[in-house]
Amino acid sequence: MLRRNAVFVLVALVVPLASLAPPAQAQVHVEGHTYAARARVAGQDIVLNGTGVRAVAWLKGFSAGLYLPAKAASADGVVAMAGPKRLQMRMLQEVPAAEFAKAVDKGIGRNTPAAEQPALDERRAVFDRQILALGTVRKGDVVDLDFVPGTGLVMALNGRLHGAPVAGEDFYGAVLRIFLGERPVDARLKAGLLGRRAAP
């Protein structure tokens, strides 16, 4: 009888403590799309840092989620962080690939110091050709821009690899700064990817 009472006391102590444990991070829903709390890149689990939507006035182009080895709240922290990364875009509109490539070139030009751009030019041209080969990115398509250490930027469309890797951590950092730099493509999107609440 004493032994049974001891078990009841132990359960009564443990259950409330378990209920105080923080819940696992839930998936995030954005514009009808679901972003998992974690992704796996280069054999490593990485966590969802934040999400946002690229919009011009009432027109919403895509939602995006940024996955990192650990949470980061600054662009410099994201770019400098070692390990695999993923920027995932889920299309909300049909977009010609030529417009996508133009946005990449403009974004790198606006957010990369002029002295660093010549070293990126050849790889930027390679990446442009890969984007143009997509033809049209359609509503509902999922584009992953992964950074794989030792390999570089790896692009996938709807889970299928597209094109050869584009080498260099510096190049992937330049692509990230399109979204997170001083002159980002969308300030509210930048805030969301960094896990901040955007100003209204």
Foldseek 3Di string as FASTA:
>chain_A
DVVVVVVVVVCVVPVVVVVPDDDDDQWDADPNDTHGQWDADQNDIWGWQFKDWQDDVPRTFWIKTKTDNDAAQALVCRLPDDDKIKIKIAGQAKAFLLVVLVLQVVLLVVFPPPVPVVVCVVLSVQVSVQSNVVGMDHHGKMWMFMQHPPQATWIDINPHTTDGHRDDSVNVSSSSCCCRGPDHSDQCRNCRNNVHHDDD
